């Protein structure tokens, strides 16, 4: 996949994200790396899938999965695709806060059919073809709801309307939600933060995904450093380490 250059010492449980790391306010280097991620995804996705449904997760909190979900969906929409970003973290949702929109209405409303609004109500003000579905009211049984037939039916219905669906999911090592939804999505992208994520946590994450037969599309190394090299010099980036590992694990299934 690719990686996004960010602070070397991230705050583990930040409740928000500075605007400089979100969608249109990204710096040039970060934007280019998300475009690399967008391009590499096209090579890893199965052929013939009309609307890939891609889950974004991590091994633990604080690795940047939600920011990655926002920015990946943004660069996909920027390329002309009609994209839906869903906040599927029904425990600690953050997409609405990052995007500075109301999170009161969203995924759980669609799943519980308490209120169904037109898709246009989810349209982003940033790009016309970028739609954002917050989590909605938090349910008492997130794992059951995210892996339910209702979720599968919703994703199937939405896939008829969009070119890509990106779903932000809770960390694998904390709850089972990412595994619960696996049968309803095309595959997972795992975010790993350099200098923060422990090796044991990464190994545990991939072990659980393998045991659950979850298709891993690749891995994003977040916060990687370049030893002072600038993007303008086109220095080779070292962002294939975990992607190679996860691809080999997937291929061996």
Protein backbone atom coordinates (compact mmCIF):
# COMPACT_ATOMS: atom_id res chain seq x y z
CA UNK A 1 0.00 0.00 0.00
CA UNK A 2 1.60 3.20 1.15
CA UNK A 3 2.13 5.29 4.21
CA UNK A 4 1.36 8.77 5.38
CA UNK A 5 4.11 10.86 6.88
CA UNK A 6 2.95 12.37 10.14
CA UNK A 7 4.26 13.18 13.59
CA UNK A 8 6.80 10.70 14.95
CA UNK A 9 5.33 10.94 18.44
CA UNK A 10 1.55 10.69 18.05
CA UNK A 11 -0.85 11.16 20.90
CA UNK A 12 -2.23 7.65 21.48
CA UNK A 13 -5.84 8.50 22.29
CA UNK A 14 -6.41 11.83 20.63
CA UNK A 15 -10.10 12.70 20.45
CA UNK A 16 -9.72 14.64 17.24
CA UNK A 17 -7.35 15.46 14.41
CA UNK A 18 -5.89 18.75 13.19
CA UNK A 19 -7.34 20.04 9.96
CA UNK A 20 -3.90 19.85 8.36
CA UNK A 21 -4.21 16.04 8.17
CA UNK A 22 -7.74 15.88 6.76
CA UNK A 23 -8.90 15.77 3.12
CA UNK A 24 -8.41 19.07 1.23
CA UNK A 25 -6.03 20.52 3.84
CA UNK A 26 -3.41 17.77 3.46
CA UNK A 27 0.11 18.83 2.59
CA UNK A 28 1.54 17.82 -0.79
CA UNK A 29 3.54 14.82 0.45
CA UNK A 30 0.61 13.36 2.38
CA UNK A 31 -1.77 13.88 -0.54
CA UNK A 32 0.59 12.07 -2.90
CA UNK A 33 0.90 9.14 -0.51
CA UNK A 34 -2.88 8.76 -0.35
CA UNK A 35 -2.92 8.77 -4.13
CA UNK A 36 -0.34 5.96 -4.05
CA UNK A 37 -2.66 4.09 -1.69
CA UNK A 38 -5.57 4.69 -4.07
CA UNK A 39 -3.56 3.34 -7.01
CA UNK A 40 -2.27 0.28 -5.16
CA UNK A 41 -5.78 -0.60 -4.02
CA UNK A 42 -6.87 -0.93 -7.62
CA UNK A 43 -4.22 -3.61 -8.14
CA UNK A 44 -5.19 -5.61 -5.04
CA UNK A 45 -8.97 -5.56 -5.43
CA UNK A 46 -10.61 -8.58 -7.08
CA UNK A 47 -11.59 -8.15 -10.71
CA UNK A 48 -15.23 -7.68 -11.61
CA UNK A 49 -16.35 -6.07 -8.33
CA UNK A 50 -18.65 -3.19 -9.25
CA UNK A 51 -18.40 -1.46 -5.91
CA UNK A 52 -15.55 -2.57 -3.62
CA UNK A 53 -16.46 -2.34 0.06
CA UNK A 54 -13.24 -1.69 1.97
CA UNK A 55 -12.95 -1.87 5.74
CA UNK A 56 -10.26 0.22 7.45
CA UNK A 57 -9.02 -1.10 10.78
CA UNK A 58 -5.92 -1.37 12.98
CA UNK A 59 -4.58 -3.56 15.75
CA UNK A 60 -5.11 -1.00 18.52
CA UNK A 61 -6.32 2.55 19.09
CA UNK A 62 -4.29 5.59 18.09
CA UNK A 63 -2.88 4.25 14.81
CA UNK A 64 -4.75 6.64 12.50
CA UNK A 65 -7.35 4.31 10.95
CA UNK A 66 -10.16 6.90 10.96
CA UNK A 67 -7.99 9.61 9.41
CA UNK A 68 -6.89 7.07 6.79
CA UNK A 69 -10.53 6.18 6.07
CA UNK A 70 -11.43 9.86 5.63
CA UNK A 71 -8.51 10.67 3.35
CA UNK A 72 -8.69 7.49 1.27
CA UNK A 73 -12.38 8.08 0.60
CA UNK A 74 -11.60 11.70 -0.25
CA UNK A 75 -8.89 10.94 -2.85
CA UNK A 76 -11.15 8.27 -4.40
CA UNK A 77 -13.94 10.84 -4.71
CA UNK A 78 -11.47 13.41 -5.99
CA UNK A 79 -10.63 11.03 -8.85
CA UNK A 80 -14.25 11.18 -10.00
CA UNK A 81 -15.64 8.11 -8.23
CA UNK A 82 -18.88 8.24 -6.25
CA UNK A 83 -17.79 7.29 -2.73
CA UNK A 84 -19.59 6.55 0.54
CA UNK A 85 -17.66 6.80 3.81
CA UNK A 86 -19.36 4.95 6.68
CA UNK A 87 -18.42 5.30 10.34
CA UNK A 88 -18.73 1.65 11.36
CA UNK A 89 -17.05 2.20 14.71
CA UNK A 90 -20.20 1.96 16.78
CA UNK A 91 -18.24 2.16 20.04
CA UNK A 92 -16.01 5.23 19.71
CA UNK A 93 -17.06 6.94 16.46
CA UNK A 94 -14.93 9.84 15.25
CA UNK A 95 -15.77 10.54 11.60
CA UNK A 96 -18.47 13.13 12.37
CA UNK A 97 -16.17 14.98 14.74
CA UNK A 98 -13.30 14.97 12.26
CA UNK A 99 -15.59 16.26 9.51
CA UNK A 100 -17.33 18.72 11.86
CA UNK A 101 -20.80 17.41 11.07
CA UNK A 102 -23.60 16.06 13.25
CA UNK A 103 -23.25 12.41 14.20
CA UNK A 104 -26.76 12.02 15.62
CA UNK A 105 -28.12 10.50 12.41
CA UNK A 106 -26.37 7.78 10.47
CA UNK A 107 -25.66 4.07 10.19
CA UNK A 108 -27.71 2.86 13.14
CA UNK A 109 -30.75 4.76 11.86
CA UNK A 110 -30.52 2.92 8.55
CA UNK A 111 -29.97 -0.45 10.25
CA UNK A 112 -32.74 -0.03 12.81
CA UNK A 113 -34.98 1.73 10.24
CA UNK A 114 -35.87 4.34 12.85
CA UNK A 115 -35.54 7.05 10.21
CA UNK A 116 -34.56 6.82 6.56
CA UNK A 117 -33.42 10.02 4.89
CA UNK A 118 -32.53 10.45 1.20
CA UNK A 119 -28.93 9.76 0.23
CA UNK A 120 -28.54 13.41 -0.71
CA UNK A 121 -28.68 14.24 3.00
CA UNK A 122 -25.33 12.46 3.34
CA UNK A 123 -23.66 14.41 0.54
CA UNK A 124 -20.47 16.17 1.59
CA UNK A 125 -20.14 19.91 1.10
CA UNK A 126 -16.52 19.37 0.04
CA UNK A 127 -17.06 17.27 -3.11
CA UNK A 128 -20.45 16.49 -4.68
CA UNK A 129 -19.68 12.79 -5.19
CA UNK A 130 -18.39 12.23 -1.62
CA UNK A 131 -21.01 10.98 0.85
CA UNK A 132 -20.50 10.58 4.59
CA UNK A 133 -22.62 8.38 6.87
CA UNK A 134 -21.84 8.96 10.59
CA UNK A 135 -22.45 6.23 13.16
CA UNK A 136 -25.76 7.55 14.47
CA UNK A 137 -26.92 6.71 17.97
CA UNK A 138 -24.64 4.14 19.62
CA UNK A 139 -26.29 0.71 20.05
CA UNK A 140 -25.95 -1.67 23.04
CA UNK A 141 -24.77 -4.53 20.78
CA UNK A 142 -22.29 -3.13 18.19
CA UNK A 143 -20.74 -6.46 17.10
CA UNK A 144 -24.10 -8.10 16.48
CA UNK A 145 -25.39 -5.08 14.57
CA UNK A 146 -22.30 -4.54 12.40
CA UNK A 147 -22.24 -8.22 11.41
CA UNK A 148 -25.97 -8.62 10.97
CA UNK A 149 -27.89 -9.48 7.82
CA UNK A 150 -29.31 -5.98 7.97
CA UNK A 151 -25.79 -4.60 7.61
CA UNK A 152 -25.15 -6.93 4.68
CA UNK A 153 -28.41 -5.85 3.05
CA UNK A 154 -27.62 -2.17 3.57
CA UNK A 155 -24.16 -2.52 2.02
CA UNK A 156 -25.61 -4.44 -0.91
CA UNK A 157 -28.20 -1.72 -1.51
CA UNK A 158 -25.61 1.05 -1.20
CA UNK A 159 -23.22 -0.76 -3.55
CA UNK A 160 -25.77 -0.23 -6.32
CA UNK A 161 -25.43 3.53 -5.82
CA UNK A 162 -21.68 3.96 -5.34
CA UNK A 163 -18.34 3.12 -6.94
CA UNK A 164 -16.56 2.63 -3.59
CA UNK A 165 -17.67 2.19 0.01
CA UNK A 166 -15.13 2.80 2.80
CA UNK A 167 -16.04 1.58 6.30
CA UNK A 168 -14.12 2.76 9.36
CA UNK A 169 -14.02 -0.13 11.87
CA UNK A 170 -12.83 -0.60 15.48
CA UNK A 171 -9.36 -2.09 16.17
CA UNK A 172 -9.06 -5.87 15.74
CA UNK A 173 -7.30 -6.56 19.04
CA UNK A 174 -9.92 -4.76 21.12
CA UNK A 175 -13.28 -5.98 19.76
CA UNK A 176 -14.54 -8.45 17.15
CA UNK A 177 -16.45 -6.00 14.94
CA UNK A 178 -13.95 -6.09 12.04
CA UNK A 179 -14.24 -9.88 11.88
CA UNK A 180 -18.03 -9.77 12.28
CA UNK A 181 -18.48 -7.63 9.18
CA UNK A 182 -15.90 -9.50 7.08
CA UNK A 183 -18.43 -11.56 5.09
CA UNK A 184 -20.14 -8.37 3.91
CA UNK A 185 -17.05 -6.53 2.64
CA UNK A 186 -14.50 -7.00 -0.14
CA UNK A 187 -11.54 -6.87 2.23
CA UNK A 188 -9.69 -5.03 4.98
CA UNK A 189 -6.86 -2.52 5.01
CA UNK A 190 -4.91 -2.56 8.28
CA UNK A 191 -3.29 0.65 9.54
CA UNK A 192 -0.05 0.35 11.53
CA UNK A 193 1.66 3.36 13.10
CA UNK A 194 5.46 3.32 13.01
CA UNK A 195 7.11 4.00 16.35
CA UNK A 196 3.86 3.37 18.23
CA UNK A 197 2.38 -0.02 17.40
CA UNK A 198 4.07 -2.91 19.16
CA UNK A 199 5.21 -5.85 17.03
CA UNK A 200 3.26 -8.27 19.20
CA UNK A 201 0.06 -6.31 18.62
CA UNK A 202 0.56 -6.44 14.84
CA UNK A 203 1.24 -10.19 14.91
CA UNK A 204 -1.79 -10.79 17.11
CA UNK A 205 -3.95 -8.71 14.75
CA UNK A 206 -2.95 -10.64 11.63
CA UNK A 207 -3.22 -13.95 13.47
CA UNK A 208 -6.83 -13.18 14.40
CA UNK A 209 -7.66 -12.06 10.87
CA UNK A 210 -6.13 -15.23 9.44
CA UNK A 211 -8.02 -17.49 11.86
CA UNK A 212 -11.24 -15.71 10.91
CA UNK A 213 -10.48 -16.10 7.17
CA UNK A 214 -10.68 -12.34 6.66
CA UNK A 215 -9.33 -11.12 3.33
CA UNK A 216 -6.57 -8.56 3.95
CA UNK A 217 -6.04 -6.24 0.98
CA UNK A 218 -2.90 -4.69 2.44
CA UNK A 219 -1.47 -2.56 5.19
CA UNK A 220 -0.76 1.15 5.53
CA UNK A 221 2.29 2.14 7.57
CA UNK A 222 1.35 5.43 9.17
CA UNK A 223 3.81 7.97 10.57
CA UNK A 224 6.83 6.51 8.74
CA UNK A 225 9.97 8.65 8.68
CA UNK A 226 12.28 9.36 5.77
CA UNK A 227 15.47 10.36 7.58
CA UNK A 228 15.06 13.93 6.45
CA UNK A 229 14.57 13.19 2.77
CA UNK A 230 12.11 15.43 0.92
CA UNK A 231 9.47 14.26 -1.49
CA UNK A 232 11.00 16.42 -4.19
CA UNK A 233 14.05 14.13 -4.30
CA UNK A 234 11.83 11.12 -5.05
CA UNK A 235 13.73 9.01 -2.54
CA UNK A 236 12.46 5.41 -2.42
CA UNK A 237 10.02 4.96 0.40
CA UNK A 238 10.08 1.87 2.60
CA UNK A 239 6.37 1.16 2.79
CA UNK A 240 6.05 -2.43 1.62
CA UNK A 241 7.10 -4.27 4.78
CA UNK A 242 3.68 -4.99 6.30
CA UNK A 243 1.87 -4.93 2.96
CA UNK A 244 4.08 -7.77 1.73
CA UNK A 245 3.45 -9.71 4.92
CA UNK A 246 -0.32 -9.34 4.77
CA UNK A 247 -0.48 -10.15 1.06
CA UNK A 248 1.48 -13.36 1.57
CA UNK A 249 -0.80 -14.34 4.43
CA UNK A 250 -3.84 -13.71 2.23
CA UNK A 251 -2.38 -15.61 -0.72
CA UNK A 252 -1.66 -18.64 1.44
CA UNK A 253 -5.29 -19.11 2.44
